């Protein structure tokens, strides 16, 4: 499923809200992959379980890039997104889906950068 952010979703954007958008975006990009993996492993694939799995993957991306999930910055968000894109590619996510989501998150990062410049 492709994630496209509306202008309203980007209003008053903070790094924490941007982190939540990263989780949402990764969930939408990977939901089918995680469902299939859960089925192969014989485990639950409820929406709640999938959401926890995706958040865990995002937390790991922050950890592997030396970021702090609870206190993200624009820079740590960008590093985590690149890590997630690499992992998505390794899981077989089609290139066009990865690029679409990176483009959407690029919009998020631009809004954060504008907020930094205005502050």
Foldseek 3Di string as FASTA:
>chain_A
DADADDVVLLPPDDQLSLLVVLLVRLCVQCLVLVQVVCVVVVHDSPVVVSSVVSVVLLCVLLVVQVHDNVDGDLVSVVSSLVVSLVVCVVSPRDPVRSVSSVVNSVVNSVSSVVVVVVD
